[in-house]
Amino acid sequence: MRQALISDIHGNLEALNAVLGDINSQSIDELICLGDVVGYGPNPIECLEIVMKKAKLTILGNHDQATVFDPNGFNPIAMRAILWTREELGKGNSKAVNKRWDFINDLPRSHQMDKTLFVHGSPCDATNEYVFPETAYDKNKMDRLFSKVPLFCFQGHTHIAGVFTPDPGFIYAEECDHNFTLGREKLMINIGSVGQPRDEDPRACYTIVDQEAKKVFFRRVQYDIDTTIAKIYKIPELDNQLGDRLRSGK
C-alpha cells in the first residue's frame, strides 16, 4: 500500500494539478487529503471538486469549516478570503452547490486506520490546533499531544513539512533528505502544504507513505506560481500578499 497525502491546497489549482501529475507517476494506491482544500487561493470550486472526485478520505480543515460556519480567529486578510470563497462555492446550479456544501458538512474531523491517526491540526484538537516546529520544545504540550497518538499521526495546518519525535524534537523534511523511516516510536508527521508552503521552499509539497517499506517520502513539485499569483491579483477580495508569499514560500 502506497498512500499519497495532501493538505492545505488553499484553492491553488496550479499547485494541485502539478502534485496530482507527480502522484500519477509514483504508483500510488490511494489519495488522502488532510483538509484546507479552500481558502486564500483563487480556484476553490475547481480544487474542491477535484478532491471530491479523487480522494478516498478527506479531513475537515479550519478554512473548510469556516466557509460553512461562522469564521473565528482569522486575521482580516484570511477573513476576506473566506467570505469570498463562501460566495464562490455558492455559485452554479443548485445541484452542484448543494453537493459542495454537503461534502464539506460531512467531512470528518479525524480518522484512524489501525495505529495511524489522520487530522488537520493536532491529535488533541483535530481541526484548529497548530503544532509548530518550536512546539517540539514545550515538553508538557508534546507529552499531551503524543498521549493521543496511537503510533503515527499525520497532520497539516502549519504548512511546514517534517517529523515530530518524542525526544522531543522536530526534523525538517530537508534535514532527513526528504524521507523518514517508520519504526516502533510514536511520531507526528506534518505533510506540508500543496498550495501555500511556509518553509521557505515555494514548491508544492506532499507526502507518500509506503506501508511495505515503512518509509515516508516528502515530495516537492514545481508549479506555475506566476499564473496563480496573477489570478489572485485580479480578485479584489484576495489581498495581493496572498500571491506575493507564494514566491518566497513564507
C-alpha atoms as a PDB file:
ATOM      1  CA  MET A   1       0.000   0.000   0.000  1.00  0.00           C
ATOM      2  CA  ARG A   2       1.334   3.384  -1.049  1.00  0.00           C
ATOM      3  CA  GLN A   3      -0.679   6.387   0.071  1.00  0.00           C
ATOM      4  CA  ALA A   4      -0.299   9.937  -1.189  1.00  0.00           C
ATOM      5  CA  LEU A   5      -1.159  12.512   1.473  1.00  0.00           C
ATOM      6  CA  ILE A   6      -2.000  16.093   0.504  1.00  0.00           C
ATOM      7  CA  SER A   7      -3.044  19.046   2.634  1.00  0.00           C
ATOM      8  CA  ASP A   8      -3.542  22.802   2.633  1.00  0.00           C
ATOM      9  CA  ILE A   9      -4.310  23.171  -1.058  1.00  0.00           C
ATOM     10  CA  HIS A  10      -5.956  26.514  -0.395  1.00  0.00           C
ATOM     11  CA  GLY A  11      -7.592  26.944  -3.771  1.00  0.00           C
ATOM     12  CA  ASN A  12      -4.290  26.761  -5.658  1.00  0.00           C
ATOM     13  CA  LEU A  13      -5.276  24.859  -8.780  1.00  0.00           C
ATOM     14  CA  GLU A  14      -1.888  25.045 -10.500  1.00  0.00           C
ATOM     15  CA  ALA A  15      -0.155  23.529  -7.467  1.00  0.00           C
ATOM     16  CA  LEU A  16      -2.802  20.831  -7.068  1.00  0.00           C
ATOM     17  CA  ASN A  17      -2.623  19.790 -10.714  1.00  0.00           C
ATOM     18  CA  ALA A  18       1.179  19.649 -10.582  1.00  0.00           C
ATOM     19  CA  VAL A  19       1.076  17.487  -7.452  1.00  0.00           C
ATOM     20  CA  LEU A  20      -1.522  15.156  -8.954  1.00  0.00           C
ATOM     21  CA  GLY A  21       0.675  14.810 -12.023  1.00  0.00           C
ATOM     22  CA  ASP A  22       3.579  13.761  -9.812  1.00  0.00           C
ATOM     23  CA  ILE A  23       1.354  11.392  -7.847  1.00  0.00           C
ATOM     24  CA  ASN A  24       0.339   9.692 -11.089  1.00  0.00           C
ATOM     25  CA  SER A  25       3.994   8.756 -11.643  1.00  0.00           C
ATOM     26  CA  GLN A  26       4.506   7.265  -8.160  1.00  0.00           C
ATOM     27  CA  SER A  27       2.432   4.043  -8.207  1.00  0.00           C
ATOM     28  CA  ILE A  28       0.001   5.343  -5.598  1.00  0.00           C
ATOM     29  CA  ASP A  29      -2.870   3.182  -4.351  1.00  0.00           C
ATOM     30  CA  GLU A  30      -4.955   5.841  -2.634  1.00  0.00           C
ATOM     31  CA  LEU A  31      -5.120   9.588  -2.071  1.00  0.00           C
ATOM     32  CA  ILE A  32      -5.847  11.156   1.321  1.00  0.00           C
ATOM     33  CA  CYS A  33      -6.439  14.865   1.897  1.00  0.00           C
ATOM     34  CA  LEU A  34      -5.916  16.399   5.341  1.00  0.00           C
ATOM     35  CA  GLY A  35      -8.014  19.481   4.798  1.00  0.00           C
ATOM     36  CA  ASP A  36      -7.980  23.160   3.877  1.00  0.00           C
ATOM     37  CA  VAL A  37      -8.890  22.465   0.296  1.00  0.00           C
ATOM     38  CA  VAL A  38     -10.129  26.067   0.080  1.00  0.00           C
ATOM     39  CA  GLY A  39      -9.214  29.464   1.499  1.00  0.00           C
ATOM     40  CA  TYR A  40      -6.640  32.050   0.335  1.00  0.00           C
ATOM     41  CA  GLY A  41      -6.482  30.853  -3.286  1.00  0.00           C
ATOM     42  CA  PRO A  42      -8.357  31.797  -6.466  1.00  0.00           C
ATOM     43  CA  ASN A  43      -9.825  28.416  -7.515  1.00  0.00           C
ATOM     44  CA  PRO A  44     -11.826  26.982  -4.598  1.00  0.00           C
ATOM     45  CA  ILE A  45     -14.516  25.341  -6.732  1.00  0.00           C
ATOM     46  CA  GLU A  46     -12.098  23.552  -9.043  1.00  0.00           C
ATOM     47  CA  CYS A  47      -9.888  22.331  -6.185  1.00  0.00           C
ATOM     48  CA  LEU A  48     -12.820  21.148  -4.109  1.00  0.00           C
ATOM     49  CA  GLU A  49     -14.373  19.232  -6.998  1.00  0.00           C
ATOM     50  CA  ILE A  50     -11.060  17.526  -7.793  1.00  0.00           C
ATOM     51  CA  VAL A  51     -10.641  16.406  -4.189  1.00  0.00           C
ATOM     52  CA  MET A  52     -14.264  15.259  -4.043  1.00  0.00           C
ATOM     53  CA  LYS A  53     -13.610  13.055  -7.059  1.00  0.00           C
ATOM     54  CA  LYS A  54     -10.120  11.724  -6.351  1.00  0.00           C
ATOM     55  CA  ALA A  55      -9.548  11.475  -2.578  1.00  0.00           C
ATOM     56  CA  LYS A  56     -10.530   8.293  -0.774  1.00  0.00           C
ATOM     57  CA  LEU A  57     -10.557  10.209   2.509  1.00  0.00           C
ATOM     58  CA  THR A  58     -10.733  13.946   3.201  1.00  0.00           C
ATOM     59  CA  ILE A  59     -10.402  15.510   6.658  1.00  0.00           C
ATOM     60  CA  LEU A  60     -12.046  18.807   7.630  1.00  0.00           C
ATOM     61  CA  GLY A  61      -9.662  21.768   7.732  1.00  0.00           C
ATOM     62  CA  ASN A  62     -10.246  25.016   9.610  1.00  0.00           C
ATOM     63  CA  HIS A  63     -10.686  27.012   6.380  1.00  0.00           C
ATOM     64  CA  ASP A  64     -13.106  24.414   5.036  1.00  0.00           C
ATOM     65  CA  GLN A  65     -15.042  24.664   8.288  1.00  0.00           C
ATOM     66  CA  ALA A  66     -15.052  28.467   8.173  1.00  0.00           C
ATOM     67  CA  THR A  67     -16.710  28.521   4.752  1.00  0.00           C
ATOM     68  CA  VAL A  68     -19.720  26.712   6.207  1.00  0.00           C
ATOM     69  CA  PHE A  69     -19.858  28.020   9.781  1.00  0.00           C
ATOM     70  CA  ASP A  70     -19.060  31.375  11.400  1.00  0.00           C
ATOM     71  CA  PRO A  71     -15.325  32.007  10.962  1.00  0.00           C
ATOM     72  CA  ASN A  72     -13.499  32.823  14.182  1.00  0.00           C
ATOM     73  CA  GLY A  73      -9.897  33.678  14.954  1.00  0.00           C
ATOM     74  CA  PHE A  74      -8.864  34.694  11.442  1.00  0.00           C
ATOM     75  CA  ASN A  75      -6.859  37.788  10.568  1.00  0.00           C
ATOM     76  CA  PRO A  76      -8.532  40.357   8.274  1.00  0.00           C
ATOM     77  CA  ILE A  77      -6.809  39.093   5.110  1.00  0.00           C
ATOM     78  CA  ALA A  78      -7.812  35.489   5.771  1.00  0.00           C
ATOM     79  CA  MET A  79     -11.336  36.551   6.756  1.00  0.00           C
ATOM     80  CA  ARG A  80     -11.895  38.422   3.488  1.00  0.00           C
ATOM     81  CA  ALA A  81     -10.650  35.394   1.566  1.00  0.00           C
ATOM     82  CA  ILE A  82     -13.006  33.091   3.465  1.00  0.00           C
ATOM     83  CA  LEU A  83     -16.028  35.285   2.809  1.00  0.00           C
ATOM     84  CA  TRP A  84     -15.137  35.484  -0.893  1.00  0.00           C
ATOM     85  CA  THR A  85     -14.623  31.712  -1.004  1.00  0.00           C
ATOM     86  CA  ARG A  86     -18.033  31.184   0.571  1.00  0.00           C
ATOM     87  CA  GLU A  87     -19.642  33.262  -2.170  1.00  0.00           C
ATOM     88  CA  GLU A  88     -17.729  31.390  -4.874  1.00  0.00           C
ATOM     89  CA  LEU A  89     -18.800  27.978  -3.586  1.00  0.00           C
ATOM     90  CA  GLY A  90     -22.391  29.163  -3.748  1.00  0.00           C
ATOM     91  CA  LYS A  91     -22.225  29.797  -7.500  1.00  0.00           C
ATOM     92  CA  GLY A  92     -23.588  27.475 -10.169  1.00  0.00           C
ATOM     93  CA  ASN A  93     -26.626  25.257 -10.410  1.00  0.00           C
ATOM     94  CA  SER A  94     -28.306  24.230  -7.173  1.00  0.00           C
ATOM     95  CA  LYS A  95     -27.353  20.562  -7.520  1.00  0.00           C
ATOM     96  CA  ALA A  96     -23.644  21.357  -7.799  1.00  0.00           C
ATOM     97  CA  VAL A  97     -23.793  23.906  -4.975  1.00  0.00           C
ATOM     98  CA  ASN A  98     -25.607  21.531  -2.626  1.00  0.00           C
ATOM     99  CA  LYS A  99     -23.126  18.779  -3.435  1.00  0.00           C
ATOM    100  CA  ARG A 100     -20.228  21.037  -2.397  1.00  0.00           C
ATOM    101  CA  TRP A 101     -21.851  22.112   0.864  1.00  0.00           C
ATOM    102  CA  ASP A 102     -22.902  18.566   1.711  1.00  0.00           C
ATOM    103  CA  PHE A 103     -19.383  17.319   1.084  1.00  0.00           C
ATOM    104  CA  ILE A 104     -17.814  19.871   3.428  1.00  0.00           C
ATOM    105  CA  ASN A 105     -20.538  19.405   6.066  1.00  0.00           C
ATOM    106  CA  ASP A 106     -19.952  15.661   6.134  1.00  0.00           C
ATOM    107  CA  LEU A 107     -16.149  15.769   6.411  1.00  0.00           C
ATOM    108  CA  PRO A 108     -14.763  14.011   9.496  1.00  0.00           C
ATOM    109  CA  ARG A 109     -12.504  15.935  11.856  1.00  0.00           C
ATOM    110  CA  SER A 110     -10.216  12.934  12.241  1.00  0.00           C
ATOM    111  CA  HIS A 111      -9.886   9.354  11.076  1.00  0.00           C
ATOM    112  CA  GLN A 112      -7.920   6.416  12.408  1.00  0.00           C
ATOM    113  CA  MET A 113      -6.693   3.467  10.336  1.00  0.00           C
ATOM    114  CA  ASP A 114      -5.135   0.780  12.528  1.00  0.00           C
ATOM    115  CA  LYS A 115      -2.478   2.674  14.509  1.00  0.00           C
ATOM    116  CA  THR A 116      -2.385   5.738  12.242  1.00  0.00           C
ATOM    117  CA  LEU A 117      -4.353   8.897  13.007  1.00  0.00           C
ATOM    118  CA  PHE A 118      -5.183  11.479  10.339  1.00  0.00           C
ATOM    119  CA  VAL A 119      -6.045  15.046  11.380  1.00  0.00           C
ATOM    120  CA  HIS A 120      -5.715  18.569  10.065  1.00  0.00           C
ATOM    121  CA  GLY A 121      -4.461  20.308  13.199  1.00  0.00           C
ATOM    122  CA  SER A 122      -3.289  18.111  16.057  1.00  0.00           C
ATOM    123  CA  PRO A 123      -4.110  14.847  17.849  1.00  0.00           C
ATOM    124  CA  CYS A 124      -5.788  16.867  20.628  1.00  0.00           C
ATOM    125  CA  ASP A 125      -7.658  19.425  18.515  1.00  0.00           C
ATOM    126  CA  ALA A 126      -8.062  17.840  15.124  1.00  0.00           C
ATOM    127  CA  THR A 127      -9.128  20.994  13.299  1.00  0.00           C
ATOM    128  CA  ASN A 128      -7.651  24.115  14.886  1.00  0.00           C
ATOM    129  CA  GLU A 129      -4.554  23.478  16.999  1.00  0.00           C
ATOM    130  CA  TYR A 130      -1.201  24.401  15.472  1.00  0.00           C
ATOM    131  CA  VAL A 131       1.869  22.297  16.200  1.00  0.00           C
ATOM    132  CA  PHE A 132       4.791  24.408  15.011  1.00  0.00           C
ATOM    133  CA  PRO A 133       8.417  23.221  14.910  1.00  0.00           C
ATOM    134  CA  GLU A 134       9.164  25.256  18.042  1.00  0.00           C
ATOM    135  CA  THR A 135       6.330  23.454  19.839  1.00  0.00           C
ATOM    136  CA  ALA A 136       8.656  20.451  19.947  1.00  0.00           C
ATOM    137  CA  TYR A 137      10.491  22.034  22.877  1.00  0.00           C
ATOM    138  CA  ASP A 138       7.374  22.508  25.009  1.00  0.00           C
ATOM    139  CA  LYS A 139       7.619  19.201  26.871  1.00  0.00           C
ATOM    140  CA  ASN A 140       4.273  19.400  28.631  1.00  0.00           C
ATOM    141  CA  LYS A 141       2.441  20.143  25.415  1.00  0.00           C
ATOM    142  CA  MET A 142       4.282  17.465  23.483  1.00  0.00           C
ATOM    143  CA  ASP A 143       3.548  14.887  26.167  1.00  0.00           C
ATOM    144  CA  ARG A 144      -0.128  15.826  25.915  1.00  0.00           C
ATOM    145  CA  LEU A 145      -0.094  15.556  22.125  1.00  0.00           C
ATOM    146  CA  PHE A 146       1.769  12.250  21.983  1.00  0.00           C
ATOM    147  CA  SER A 147      -0.588  10.760  24.583  1.00  0.00           C
ATOM    148  CA  LYS A 148      -3.281  10.971  21.882  1.00  0.00           C
ATOM    149  CA  VAL A 149      -1.152   9.397  19.125  1.00  0.00           C
ATOM    150  CA  PRO A 150      -1.780   5.643  18.610  1.00  0.00           C
ATOM    151  CA  LEU A 151       1.574   5.212  16.830  1.00  0.00           C
ATOM    152  CA  PHE A 152       1.655   7.648  13.912  1.00  0.00           C
ATOM    153  CA  CYS A 153      -0.247  10.863  13.364  1.00  0.00           C
ATOM    154  CA  PHE A 154      -0.278  12.662  10.031  1.00  0.00           C
ATOM    155  CA  GLN A 155      -1.278  16.319  10.070  1.00  0.00           C
ATOM    156  CA  GLY A 156      -1.080  19.627   8.189  1.00  0.00           C
ATOM    157  CA  HIS A 157      -2.211  23.139   9.194  1.00  0.00           C
ATOM    158  CA  THR A 158       1.220  24.784   9.712  1.00  0.00           C
ATOM    159  CA  HIS A 159       2.316  24.302   6.073  1.00  0.00           C
ATOM    160  CA  ILE A 160       5.755  23.147   7.318  1.00  0.00           C
ATOM    161  CA  ALA A 161       6.798  19.600   6.427  1.00  0.00           C
ATOM    162  CA  GLY A 162       8.694  17.469   8.897  1.00  0.00           C
ATOM    163  CA  VAL A 163       8.626  14.931  11.717  1.00  0.00           C
ATOM    164  CA  PHE A 164       7.975  15.420  15.438  1.00  0.00           C
ATOM    165  CA  THR A 165       9.648  12.863  17.682  1.00  0.00           C
ATOM    166  CA  PRO A 166       9.008  12.277  21.418  1.00  0.00           C
ATOM    167  CA  ASP A 167      12.673  13.081  22.246  1.00  0.00           C
ATOM    168  CA  PRO A 168      11.471  15.918  21.887  1.00  0.00           C
ATOM    169  CA  GLY A 169      12.451  17.314  18.516  1.00  0.00           C
ATOM    170  CA  PHE A 170      11.359  18.365  15.058  1.00  0.00           C
ATOM    171  CA  ILE A 171      13.169  17.190  11.943  1.00  0.00           C
ATOM    172  CA  TYR A 172      12.542  19.363   8.881  1.00  0.00           C
ATOM    173  CA  ALA A 173      11.931  17.449   5.671  1.00  0.00           C
ATOM    174  CA  GLU A 174      15.169  18.662   4.106  1.00  0.00           C
ATOM    175  CA  GLU A 175      17.140  17.644   7.211  1.00  0.00           C
ATOM    176  CA  CYS A 176      16.196  13.992   6.689  1.00  0.00           C
ATOM    177  CA  ASP A 177      16.787  14.157   2.928  1.00  0.00           C
ATOM    178  CA  HIS A 178      13.026  14.191   2.379  1.00  0.00           C
ATOM    179  CA  ASN A 179      12.480  10.652   3.660  1.00  0.00           C
ATOM    180  CA  PHE A 180      11.978   9.107   7.082  1.00  0.00           C
ATOM    181  CA  THR A 181      11.767   5.525   8.331  1.00  0.00           C
ATOM    182  CA  LEU A 182       8.723   4.453  10.324  1.00  0.00           C
ATOM    183  CA  GLY A 183       9.631   2.283  13.298  1.00  0.00           C
ATOM    184  CA  ARG A 184       8.081   1.479  16.676  1.00  0.00           C
ATOM    185  CA  GLU A 185       8.472   5.007  18.033  1.00  0.00           C
ATOM    186  CA  LYS A 186       5.493   7.321  18.105  1.00  0.00           C
ATOM    187  CA  LEU A 187       5.695  10.082  15.511  1.00  0.00           C
ATOM    188  CA  MET A 188       3.699  13.103  14.419  1.00  0.00           C
ATOM    189  CA  ILE A 189       4.342  13.862  10.758  1.00  0.00           C
ATOM    190  CA  ASN A 190       3.414  17.138   9.111  1.00  0.00           C
ATOM    191  CA  ILE A 191       2.934  16.504   5.412  1.00  0.00           C
ATOM    192  CA  GLY A 192       3.457  20.115   4.288  1.00  0.00           C
ATOM    193  CA  SER A 193       1.297  22.239   2.032  1.00  0.00           C
ATOM    194  CA  VAL A 194       0.338  21.812  -1.605  1.00  0.00           C
ATOM    195  CA  GLY A 195      -0.872  25.343  -2.211  1.00  0.00           C
ATOM    196  CA  GLN A 196       0.931  27.628   0.225  1.00  0.00           C
ATOM    197  CA  PRO A 197       4.208  26.248   1.644  1.00  0.00           C
ATOM    198  CA  ARG A 198       5.700  28.224   4.530  1.00  0.00           C
ATOM    199  CA  ASP A 199       9.095  26.584   4.944  1.00  0.00           C
ATOM    200  CA  GLU A 200      10.882  28.961   2.525  1.00  0.00           C
ATOM    201  CA  ASP A 201      10.593  26.442  -0.309  1.00  0.00           C
ATOM    202  CA  PRO A 202       7.932  27.701  -2.742  1.00  0.00           C
ATOM    203  CA  ARG A 203       7.476  24.323  -4.420  1.00  0.00           C
ATOM    204  CA  ALA A 204       4.287  22.418  -3.681  1.00  0.00           C
ATOM    205  CA  CYS A 205       4.710  19.722  -1.047  1.00  0.00           C
ATOM    206  CA  TYR A 206       3.012  16.415  -0.403  1.00  0.00           C
ATOM    207  CA  THR A 207       3.923  13.128   1.285  1.00  0.00           C
ATOM    208  CA  ILE A 208       3.981   9.477   0.268  1.00  0.00           C
ATOM    209  CA  VAL A 209       3.579   6.740   2.873  1.00  0.00           C
ATOM    210  CA  ASP A 210       4.915   3.363   1.762  1.00  0.00           C
ATOM    211  CA  GLN A 211       3.443   0.850   4.174  1.00  0.00           C
ATOM    212  CA  GLU A 212       5.551  -2.081   2.951  1.00  0.00           C
ATOM    213  CA  ALA A 213       8.853  -0.227   3.056  1.00  0.00           C
ATOM    214  CA  LYS A 214       7.879   1.553   6.298  1.00  0.00           C
ATOM    215  CA  LYS A 215       9.003   4.837   4.821  1.00  0.00           C
ATOM    216  CA  VAL A 216       7.666   8.348   4.471  1.00  0.00           C
ATOM    217  CA  PHE A 217       8.759  10.407   1.478  1.00  0.00           C
ATOM    218  CA  PHE A 218       8.334  14.176   1.275  1.00  0.00           C
ATOM    219  CA  ARG A 219       7.893  15.254  -2.344  1.00  0.00           C
ATOM    220  CA  ARG A 220       8.463  18.779  -3.697  1.00  0.00           C
ATOM    221  CA  VAL A 221       6.925  19.725  -7.024  1.00  0.00           C
ATOM    222  CA  GLN A 222       7.449  22.793  -9.217  1.00  0.00           C
ATOM    223  CA  TYR A 223       4.304  24.508 -10.461  1.00  0.00           C
ATOM    224  CA  ASP A 224       3.292  27.635 -12.356  1.00  0.00           C
ATOM    225  CA  ILE A 225       3.408  30.100  -9.457  1.00  0.00           C
ATOM    226  CA  ASP A 226       3.120  33.161 -11.702  1.00  0.00           C
ATOM    227  CA  THR A 227      -0.261  32.051 -13.051  1.00  0.00           C
ATOM    228  CA  THR A 228      -1.647  31.566  -9.550  1.00  0.00           C
ATOM    229  CA  ILE A 229      -0.312  34.954  -8.439  1.00  0.00           C
ATOM    230  CA  ALA A 230      -1.825  36.686 -11.458  1.00  0.00           C
ATOM    231  CA  LYS A 231      -5.223  35.176 -10.641  1.00  0.00           C
ATOM    232  CA  ILE A 232      -5.003  36.396  -7.040  1.00  0.00           C
ATOM    233  CA  TYR A 233      -4.070  39.917  -8.142  1.00  0.00           C
ATOM    234  CA  LYS A 234      -7.206  40.068 -10.303  1.00  0.00           C
ATOM    235  CA  ILE A 235      -9.558  39.305  -7.404  1.00  0.00           C
ATOM    236  CA  PRO A 236     -10.094  42.386  -5.202  1.00  0.00           C
ATOM    237  CA  GLU A 237     -11.212  40.317  -2.208  1.00  0.00           C
ATOM    238  CA  LEU A 238      -7.915  38.388  -2.198  1.00  0.00           C
ATOM    239  CA  ASP A 239      -5.086  40.505  -0.840  1.00  0.00           C
ATOM    240  CA  ASN A 240      -2.012  40.733  -3.075  1.00  0.00           C
ATOM    241  CA  GLN A 241       0.034  39.460  -0.135  1.00  0.00           C
ATOM    242  CA  LEU A 242      -1.566  36.044  -0.662  1.00  0.00           C
ATOM    243  CA  GLY A 243       0.079  35.946  -4.061  1.00  0.00           C
ATOM    244  CA  ASP A 244       3.394  37.510  -3.038  1.00  0.00           C
ATOM    245  CA  ARG A 245       4.022  34.956  -0.297  1.00  0.00           C
ATOM    246  CA  LEU A 246       3.843  32.100  -2.804  1.00  0.00           C
ATOM    247  CA  ARG A 247       7.143  33.182  -4.357  1.00  0.00           C
ATOM    248  CA  SER A 248       9.048  33.188  -1.085  1.00  0.00           C
ATOM    249  CA  GLY A 249       7.360  30.165   0.441  1.00  0.00           C
ATOM    250  CA  LYS A 250       6.648  32.017   3.687  1.00  0.00           C
END
